N, C-alpha and C. Protein backbone atom coordinates (compact mmCIF):
# COMPACT_ATOMS: atom_id res chain seq x y z
N MET A 1 0.94 -1.36 0.20
CA MET A 1 -0.02 0.31 -0.24
C MET A 1 0.75 1.24 0.47
N ALA A 2 0.66 1.68 -1.30
CA ALA A 2 1.04 3.99 -0.52
C ALA A 2 1.08 4.43 0.63
N LYS A 3 2.51 4.97 0.57
CA LYS A 3 2.39 6.11 1.98
C LYS A 3 1.06 7.48 1.92
N ARG A 4 0.93 7.50 3.22
CA ARG A 4 0.03 8.59 3.20
C ARG A 4 0.78 9.27 2.60
N GLY A 5 -0.18 10.50 1.13
CA GLY A 5 -0.09 11.42 0.70
C GLY A 5 1.13 11.35 -0.71
N MET A 6 1.38 10.14 -1.13
CA MET A 6 2.20 9.81 -1.64
C MET A 6 1.58 9.85 -2.62
N CYS A 7 2.23 9.68 -4.27
CA CYS A 7 1.15 9.95 -5.37
C CYS A 7 1.42 8.50 -6.14
N ARG A 8 0.25 7.79 -6.50
CA ARG A 8 0.37 6.70 -6.85
C ARG A 8 -0.63 6.55 -8.31
N ASN A 9 -0.53 6.06 -8.92
CA ASN A 9 -0.59 5.04 -9.85
C ASN A 9 -2.58 3.72 -9.69
N HIS A 10 -3.31 3.86 -10.22
CA HIS A 10 -4.16 3.20 -9.63
C HIS A 10 -4.29 2.18 -9.91
N LYS A 11 -4.92 0.55 -9.54
CA LYS A 11 -3.79 -0.40 -10.52
C LYS A 11 -4.96 -0.88 -10.50
N GLY A 12 -4.80 -2.55 -11.42
CA GLY A 12 -6.36 -2.78 -12.66
C GLY A 12 -5.95 -2.04 -13.87
N PRO A 13 -6.88 -3.01 -14.01
CA PRO A 13 -7.50 -2.11 -15.72
C PRO A 13 -6.74 -1.05 -15.42
N HIS A 14 -6.00 -0.37 -16.82
CA HIS A 14 -5.63 0.93 -17.13
C HIS A 14 -6.82 1.74 -18.20
N PRO A 15 -7.88 2.12 -17.78
CA PRO A 15 -8.61 3.26 -18.68
C PRO A 15 -7.72 4.60 -19.00
N TRP A 16 -7.11 4.71 -18.17
CA TRP A 16 -6.27 6.28 -17.72
C TRP A 16 -5.21 5.50 -19.09
N SER A 17 -4.05 5.17 -18.82
CA SER A 17 -3.30 4.54 -19.97
C SER A 17 -3.59 4.70 -21.24
N LYS A 18 -5.34 4.14 -21.99
CA LYS A 18 -5.52 4.47 -22.79
C LYS A 18 -5.98 5.52 -23.63
N LEU A 19 -6.31 6.47 -22.36
CA LEU A 19 -6.82 7.87 -22.89
C LEU A 19 -6.09 8.58 -23.09
N GLN A 20 -4.80 8.48 -22.10
CA GLN A 20 -3.67 9.44 -22.23
C GLN A 20 -3.47 8.74 -23.41
N SER A 21 -2.70 7.75 -23.96
CA SER A 21 -2.06 7.46 -25.72
C SER A 21 -3.07 7.86 -26.67
N ALA A 22 -4.36 7.81 -26.48
CA ALA A 22 -5.46 8.35 -27.26
C ALA A 22 -5.16 9.57 -27.47
N LEU A 23 -5.45 10.31 -26.24
CA LEU A 23 -4.62 11.75 -26.51
C LEU A 23 -3.95 12.68 -27.23
N TYR A 24 -2.40 11.59 -26.75
CA TYR A 24 -1.44 11.53 -27.17
C TYR A 24 -0.70 11.51 -29.02
N ARG A 25 -2.31 10.78 -29.49
CA ARG A 25 -2.16 10.67 -30.67
C ARG A 25 -2.29 11.35 -32.05
N VAL A 26 -3.39 12.68 -31.00
CA VAL A 26 -3.62 13.79 -31.18
C VAL A 26 -2.75 15.10 -30.77
N MET A 27 -1.68 15.42 -30.67
CA MET A 27 -1.42 15.88 -29.83
C MET A 27 0.18 16.58 -30.82
N ASP A 28 0.55 17.88 -30.79
CA ASP A 28 1.88 17.78 -31.96
C ASP A 28 3.11 17.45 -30.39
N GLU A 29 4.00 16.93 -31.16
CA GLU A 29 4.90 16.12 -30.33
C GLU A 29 5.95 17.07 -30.38
N ASN A 30 5.99 18.23 -30.97
CA ASN A 30 7.35 19.19 -30.83
C ASN A 30 6.78 19.80 -29.32
N VAL A 31 5.80 20.41 -29.16
CA VAL A 31 5.64 20.51 -28.01
C VAL A 31 5.32 20.25 -26.68
N ASP A 32 5.95 19.08 -26.77
CA ASP A 32 6.05 17.97 -25.47
C ASP A 32 5.29 17.97 -24.28
N PHE A 33 4.16 18.05 -24.95
CA PHE A 33 2.43 18.47 -24.59
C PHE A 33 2.43 16.33 -23.01
N GLN A 34 2.56 16.56 -22.29
CA GLN A 34 2.26 15.19 -21.61
C GLN A 34 0.98 16.03 -20.22
N MET A 35 0.30 14.44 -20.42
CA MET A 35 -0.88 14.81 -19.05
C MET A 35 -0.39 14.11 -18.49
N HIS A 36 -1.20 14.27 -16.93
CA HIS A 36 -0.86 12.54 -16.30
C HIS A 36 -1.89 13.30 -15.03
N SER A 37 -1.52 11.90 -14.63
CA SER A 37 -3.20 11.03 -13.42
C SER A 37 -3.07 10.72 -12.58
N CYS A 38 -2.94 10.54 -11.72
CA CYS A 38 -2.51 10.04 -10.25
C CYS A 38 -3.58 9.92 -9.06
N SER A 39 -2.93 9.61 -7.67
CA SER A 39 -4.55 9.24 -7.07
C SER A 39 -2.92 9.72 -5.53
N TYR A 40 -3.66 10.34 -4.51
CA TYR A 40 -3.25 10.76 -3.43
C TYR A 40 -3.82 10.09 -2.28
N ASP A 41 -3.00 8.92 -1.52
CA ASP A 41 -4.16 8.33 -0.70
C ASP A 41 -3.58 8.93 0.76
N ILE A 42 -5.04 9.11 1.21
CA ILE A 42 -5.43 9.97 2.57
C ILE A 42 -5.98 9.13 3.20
N GLY A 43 -5.09 7.61 3.11
CA GLY A 43 -6.13 6.88 4.26
C GLY A 43 -7.16 6.20 3.98
N ASP A 44 -7.43 5.11 5.05
CA ASP A 44 -8.28 4.25 4.46
C ASP A 44 -9.27 3.76 3.11
N GLY A 45 -7.71 4.06 1.88
CA GLY A 45 -7.69 3.45 0.69
C GLY A 45 -8.37 3.99 -0.10
N VAL A 46 -8.82 5.81 0.42
CA VAL A 46 -9.38 6.53 -0.25
C VAL A 46 -8.25 7.20 -1.16
N GLY A 47 -8.24 7.75 -2.60
CA GLY A 47 -7.31 8.78 -3.28
C GLY A 47 -7.59 9.69 -2.77
N ILE A 48 -7.57 11.37 -3.07
CA ILE A 48 -7.63 12.33 -3.85
C ILE A 48 -7.61 12.27 -5.40
N PRO A 49 -8.15 12.07 -6.25
CA PRO A 49 -7.50 12.24 -7.68
C PRO A 49 -6.71 13.66 -8.16
N ARG A 50 -5.62 12.92 -8.74
CA ARG A 50 -5.40 14.52 -9.43
C ARG A 50 -4.91 13.98 -11.12
N TYR A 51 -4.92 15.77 -11.91
CA TYR A 51 -4.48 15.27 -13.33
C TYR A 51 -3.90 16.57 -13.41
N TRP A 52 -2.71 16.70 -14.32
CA TRP A 52 -2.21 17.52 -14.51
C TRP A 52 -1.38 18.02 -16.01
N ILE A 53 -1.33 18.86 -16.37
CA ILE A 53 -0.94 19.21 -17.89
C ILE A 53 0.52 19.52 -17.54
N THR A 54 2.24 18.56 -18.52
CA THR A 54 2.82 19.91 -18.73
C THR A 54 3.65 19.92 -19.59
N ILE A 55 3.76 20.93 -20.31
CA ILE A 55 4.35 21.37 -21.28
C ILE A 55 6.07 21.85 -21.12
N GLY A 56 7.27 20.78 -21.44
CA GLY A 56 7.98 20.36 -21.46
C GLY A 56 8.37 20.10 -19.73
N LYS A 57 8.78 20.88 -19.27
CA LYS A 57 9.05 20.23 -17.23
C LYS A 57 8.02 21.59 -17.27
N LYS A 58 7.27 22.56 -17.37
CA LYS A 58 6.20 23.59 -16.53
C LYS A 58 4.88 22.43 -16.19
N ILE A 59 5.08 23.08 -15.56
CA ILE A 59 2.94 22.27 -15.49
C ILE A 59 2.31 23.44 -15.58
N VAL A 60 1.80 23.39 -16.84
CA VAL A 60 0.92 24.55 -16.56
C VAL A 60 -1.15 24.62 -16.36
N TRP A 61 -1.49 23.02 -16.56
CA TRP A 61 -3.06 23.03 -15.98
C TRP A 61 -3.02 22.17 -14.41
N ASP A 62 -3.63 22.31 -13.63
CA ASP A 62 -3.23 20.84 -12.88
C ASP A 62 -4.62 20.76 -11.83
N PHE A 63 -5.39 20.30 -11.84
CA PHE A 63 -6.34 19.88 -10.89
C PHE A 63 -5.85 19.17 -9.67
N PRO A 64 -6.45 19.32 -8.71
CA PRO A 64 -7.62 19.53 -8.59
C PRO A 64 -7.17 21.54 -8.13
N LYS A 65 -5.59 21.91 -8.29
CA LYS A 65 -5.57 23.43 -7.75
C LYS A 65 -5.88 24.57 -8.77
N ASN A 66 -6.06 23.87 -9.68
CA ASN A 66 -6.67 25.30 -10.89
C ASN A 66 -8.43 25.32 -10.64
N ALA A 67 -8.45 24.36 -9.56
CA ALA A 67 -10.36 24.60 -9.57
C ALA A 67 -10.19 25.01 -8.07
N MET A 68 -9.83 25.44 -7.72
CA MET A 68 -10.15 25.91 -6.31
C MET A 68 -10.74 27.07 -6.31
N TRP A 69 -10.22 27.81 -7.29
CA TRP A 69 -11.09 29.26 -7.30
C TRP A 69 -12.72 29.08 -7.30
N ASP A 70 -13.54 28.00 -7.74
CA ASP A 70 -14.45 26.99 -8.20
C ASP A 70 -15.20 27.38 -6.92
N LYS A 71 -16.18 28.25 -6.24
CA LYS A 71 -17.15 27.69 -4.96
C LYS A 71 -18.05 27.00 -4.95
N SER A 72 -18.44 26.82 -6.55
CA SER A 72 -19.52 25.75 -6.51
C SER A 72 -19.38 24.99 -5.51
N ASP A 73 -20.47 23.66 -5.30
CA ASP A 73 -20.60 22.22 -4.82
C ASP A 73 -19.71 21.70 -5.73
N TRP A 74 -18.83 20.51 -5.30
CA TRP A 74 -17.97 19.56 -6.66
C TRP A 74 -17.15 18.58 -5.61
N TYR A 75 -17.23 17.85 -5.88
CA TYR A 75 -17.08 16.22 -5.53
C TYR A 75 -15.94 16.08 -5.80
N PHE A 76 -14.73 15.54 -5.47
CA PHE A 76 -13.19 14.89 -6.29
C PHE A 76 -13.59 14.02 -7.04
N PHE A 77 -14.49 13.02 -6.97
CA PHE A 77 -14.38 11.77 -7.43
C PHE A 77 -15.00 11.73 -8.83
N ASP A 78 -16.12 13.19 -8.45
CA ASP A 78 -17.59 12.82 -9.45
C ASP A 78 -15.91 13.87 -10.84
N GLU A 79 -15.74 15.42 -10.06
CA GLU A 79 -15.13 15.80 -11.21
C GLU A 79 -13.65 15.00 -11.88
N ALA A 80 -13.31 14.17 -11.42
CA ALA A 80 -12.32 13.38 -12.07
C ALA A 80 -13.24 12.54 -12.77
N LYS A 81 -14.26 12.17 -12.59
CA LYS A 81 -14.70 10.22 -13.72
C LYS A 81 -15.01 12.45 -15.32
N ASN A 82 -15.45 13.60 -15.17
CA ASN A 82 -15.66 14.32 -15.61
C ASN A 82 -14.82 14.32 -16.66
N ILE A 83 -13.72 14.85 -15.95
CA ILE A 83 -12.35 15.74 -16.74
C ILE A 83 -12.25 14.37 -17.56
N SER A 84 -12.35 12.73 -17.15
CA SER A 84 -11.79 12.75 -18.27
C SER A 84 -12.59 12.07 -19.42
N ARG A 85 -13.92 11.95 -18.81
CA ARG A 85 -15.64 11.79 -19.64
C ARG A 85 -15.28 13.74 -21.20
N LEU A 86 -14.37 14.57 -21.18
CA LEU A 86 -14.29 15.42 -21.07
C LEU A 86 -13.35 15.51 -22.58
N ILE A 87 -11.91 14.59 -21.50
CA ILE A 87 -10.92 14.48 -22.90
C ILE A 87 -11.46 13.23 -23.79
N LYS A 88 -12.49 12.68 -23.32
CA LYS A 88 -12.11 11.24 -24.19
C LYS A 88 -13.33 12.08 -25.67
N ALA A 89 -14.44 13.55 -25.25
CA ALA A 89 -15.25 14.09 -25.90
C ALA A 89 -14.08 14.76 -26.68
N TYR A 90 -13.34 15.24 -26.33
CA TYR A 90 -12.54 16.45 -27.09
C TYR A 90 -11.58 15.17 -27.60
N ILE A 91 -10.94 13.87 -27.98
CA ILE A 91 -10.45 13.27 -29.13
C ILE A 91 -11.24 12.83 -29.46
N ASP A 92 -12.67 12.64 -28.85
CA ASP A 92 -13.38 11.79 -30.42
C ASP A 92 -13.97 12.90 -31.51
N CYS A 93 -13.74 14.02 -31.12
CA CYS A 93 -14.52 15.26 -31.82
C CYS A 93 -13.92 15.67 -33.26
N PRO A 94 -14.15 15.63 -34.15
CA PRO A 94 -14.16 15.53 -35.83
C PRO A 94 -13.35 16.93 -35.59
N LYS A 95 -12.06 16.59 -36.59
CA LYS A 95 -11.23 18.00 -36.33
C LYS A 95 -12.11 19.17 -37.27
N ASP A 96 -13.22 18.94 -38.58
CA ASP A 96 -13.69 20.11 -38.10
C ASP A 96 -15.16 21.38 -37.10
N GLU A 97 -15.36 19.79 -36.40
CA GLU A 97 -15.71 20.33 -35.41
C GLU A 97 -14.94 21.21 -34.07
N LEU A 98 -13.78 21.52 -34.18
CA LEU A 98 -12.82 21.70 -32.73
C LEU A 98 -13.41 23.12 -32.56
N LEU A 99 -12.95 23.81 -33.24
CA LEU A 99 -13.35 25.30 -32.65
C LEU A 99 -14.83 25.95 -32.45
N THR A 100 -15.51 24.53 -32.86
CA THR A 100 -16.94 25.31 -32.12
C THR A 100 -17.88 24.36 -31.76
N ARG A 101 -17.75 23.41 -31.43
CA ARG A 101 -18.31 22.65 -30.42
C ARG A 101 -17.89 22.83 -28.78
N VAL A 102 -18.67 23.19 -28.31
CA VAL A 102 -19.13 23.21 -26.86
C VAL A 102 -19.22 21.78 -25.86
N PHE A 103 -18.26 22.61 -25.00
CA PHE A 103 -17.37 21.49 -24.28
C PHE A 103 -17.64 21.52 -23.30
N ASN A 104 -18.31 21.24 -22.28
CA ASN A 104 -18.58 21.45 -20.75
C ASN A 104 -16.94 21.24 -19.53
N ASP A 105 -16.91 22.08 -19.86
CA ASP A 105 -15.09 22.39 -20.30
C ASP A 105 -14.72 23.86 -18.55
N ARG A 106 -14.86 22.89 -17.20
CA ARG A 106 -15.23 24.07 -16.48
C ARG A 106 -14.10 24.22 -15.27
N TRP A 107 -12.96 22.73 -15.99
CA TRP A 107 -11.79 22.99 -15.18
C TRP A 107 -10.72 24.17 -16.18
N LYS A 108 -11.41 24.92 -16.73
CA LYS A 108 -10.24 25.72 -18.18
C LYS A 108 -9.27 25.14 -18.17
N MET A 109 -9.08 23.79 -19.56
CA MET A 109 -8.12 23.01 -19.43
C MET A 109 -8.55 22.71 -21.29
N LEU A 110 -9.84 23.16 -22.02
CA LEU A 110 -10.04 22.79 -23.22
C LEU A 110 -8.84 23.51 -23.66
N PRO A 111 -8.41 25.03 -23.48
CA PRO A 111 -7.55 25.84 -24.46
C PRO A 111 -5.97 25.36 -24.30
N TYR A 112 -5.71 24.85 -23.43
CA TYR A 112 -4.75 24.21 -23.56
C TYR A 112 -4.56 23.22 -24.72
N LEU A 113 -5.99 21.92 -24.22
CA LEU A 113 -5.33 20.93 -25.48
C LEU A 113 -5.49 21.34 -26.80
N LEU A 114 -6.38 22.54 -27.27
CA LEU A 114 -6.23 23.14 -28.81
C LEU A 114 -4.96 23.25 -29.08
N ALA A 115 -4.75 24.27 -27.90
CA ALA A 115 -3.58 25.33 -28.34
C ALA A 115 -2.27 23.95 -28.70
N CYS A 116 -2.11 23.12 -28.30
CA CYS A 116 -1.16 21.52 -28.83
C CYS A 116 -1.65 20.71 -29.69
N ASP A 117 -2.92 20.31 -30.47
CA ASP A 117 -3.28 19.60 -30.45
C ASP A 117 -3.24 19.94 -32.89
N LYS A 118 -2.33 18.98 -32.67
CA LYS A 118 -1.53 18.87 -34.44
C LYS A 118 -3.68 18.99 -35.48
N ARG A 119 -4.17 17.87 -34.44
CA ARG A 119 -5.78 18.57 -36.45
C ARG A 119 -5.57 19.83 -36.23
N ILE A 120 -5.13 21.07 -35.46
CA ILE A 120 -5.42 22.51 -35.82
C ILE A 120 -3.81 22.73 -36.95
N GLY A 121 -4.56 23.75 -37.79
CA GLY A 121 -3.03 23.43 -38.22
C GLY A 121 -3.07 24.54 -38.60
N LYS A 122 -1.56 25.34 -39.28
CA LYS A 122 -1.22 25.87 -38.88
C LYS A 122 -1.95 28.21 -38.97
N ARG A 123 -2.95 27.40 -40.11
CA ARG A 123 -3.59 28.73 -40.60
C ARG A 123 -4.71 28.61 -39.45
N ARG A 124 -5.67 27.64 -38.95
CA ARG A 124 -6.42 27.85 -37.85
C ARG A 124 -5.62 28.36 -36.16
N LEU A 125 -4.53 27.60 -36.29
CA LEU A 125 -3.40 28.27 -35.58
C LEU A 125 -3.00 30.03 -35.26
N ALA A 126 -2.60 29.94 -36.32
CA ALA A 126 -2.32 31.52 -36.33
C ALA A 126 -3.99 32.63 -36.33
N GLN A 127 -5.33 32.16 -36.53
CA GLN A 127 -5.90 32.76 -36.22
C GLN A 127 -5.96 33.10 -34.81
N MET A 128 -6.11 31.41 -34.47
CA MET A 128 -6.82 31.58 -33.03
C MET A 128 -6.03 33.13 -31.95
N LEU A 129 -4.54 32.78 -32.26
CA LEU A 129 -3.70 33.72 -31.74
C LEU A 129 -3.97 34.70 -31.96
N GLU A 130 -4.00 35.19 -33.31
CA GLU A 130 -4.44 36.56 -33.33
C GLU A 130 -5.80 37.19 -32.67
N LYS A 131 -6.64 36.18 -31.99
CA LYS A 131 -8.49 36.35 -31.83
C LYS A 131 -7.57 36.89 -29.75
N ASP A 132 -6.54 36.27 -29.37
CA ASP A 132 -6.03 36.14 -28.14
C ASP A 132 -5.03 36.06 -27.98
N ALA A 133 -4.35 37.06 -28.78
CA ALA A 133 -2.51 37.04 -28.69
C ALA A 133 -1.93 37.04 -27.42
N TYR A 134 -2.71 36.92 -25.92
CA TYR A 134 -1.98 37.25 -24.31
C TYR A 134 -3.38 36.18 -23.55
N SER A 135 -3.16 35.36 -24.15
CA SER A 135 -4.22 34.38 -23.37
C SER A 135 -2.93 33.19 -23.20
N CYS A 136 -4.01 32.18 -22.06
CA CYS A 136 -2.77 32.04 -20.48
C CYS A 136 -2.21 30.39 -21.61
N VAL A 137 -2.76 30.40 -23.32
CA VAL A 137 -2.15 29.23 -23.88
C VAL A 137 -1.22 29.94 -24.52
N ALA A 138 -0.76 31.49 -25.44
CA ALA A 138 -0.22 32.09 -26.57
C ALA A 138 0.38 31.43 -26.78
N TRP A 139 2.06 31.52 -25.77
CA TRP A 139 3.31 31.26 -26.40
C TRP A 139 2.59 29.59 -26.09
N ILE A 140 2.65 28.66 -26.44
CA ILE A 140 2.28 27.62 -27.16
C ILE A 140 1.67 27.44 -28.33
N MET A 141 1.52 28.33 -28.76
CA MET A 141 0.57 28.55 -29.69
C MET A 141 1.78 29.38 -30.61
N ARG A 142 2.46 30.34 -30.15
CA ARG A 142 3.59 30.85 -31.17
C ARG A 142 4.96 30.04 -31.22
N LYS A 143 4.58 28.95 -30.07
CA LYS A 143 5.90 27.88 -30.46
C LYS A 143 6.07 26.58 -31.35
N ARG A 144 4.14 26.54 -31.27
CA ARG A 144 3.65 25.86 -32.95
C ARG A 144 4.45 25.92 -34.01
N LEU A 145 3.71 27.81 -33.60
CA LEU A 145 4.26 27.97 -35.31
C LEU A 145 5.35 28.73 -35.38
N GLU A 146 5.92 28.42 -34.85
CA GLU A 146 7.72 29.00 -35.12
C GLU A 146 8.33 27.41 -35.49
N THR A 147 7.73 26.56 -34.81
CA THR A 147 7.83 25.28 -35.54
C THR A 147 8.12 24.79 -36.60
N LYS A 148 6.22 25.43 -36.73
CA LYS A 148 6.02 25.22 -38.05
C LYS A 148 6.83 25.36 -39.61
N LYS A 149 7.83 26.64 -39.03
CA LYS A 149 8.20 27.62 -39.96
C LYS A 149 10.05 27.61 -40.29
N ASN A 150 10.22 26.45 -39.38
CA ASN A 150 11.42 25.43 -39.40
C ASN A 150 11.70 24.39 -39.98
N GLU A 151 10.48 23.28 -40.09
CA GLU A 151 9.78 22.32 -41.41
C GLU A 151 10.00 22.45 -42.44
């Protein structure tokens, strides 16, 4: 059993690994996008789930840390399931609907997924950057556009 407070991956079937692999297939490899999931053991076999996104070695999005601003009622375990559902819905979204579909994203994760998604080409990426040059993900879009110039 994991020590109290330590982050551990869940045992048994690995649905997260499959979801993570599917997510990586739609992400631009040049961005060095990674999404992680684990559970912090708080005793009695209960764990608090955590998801986080890194670009390179920098953590750019972190649940539940980034959700603490939300004062509405929410439950860690339901939110973790809903985050997985959001990721699945995003992966399954057709390319031509990526920028128009409305996703249930109360955790503000979608901008990071869109900025790193290789299904969004140079032209649409430049349009996204032009509309919101000062967003939290503008630097990721610039990085992708710079990489595309060098190819």
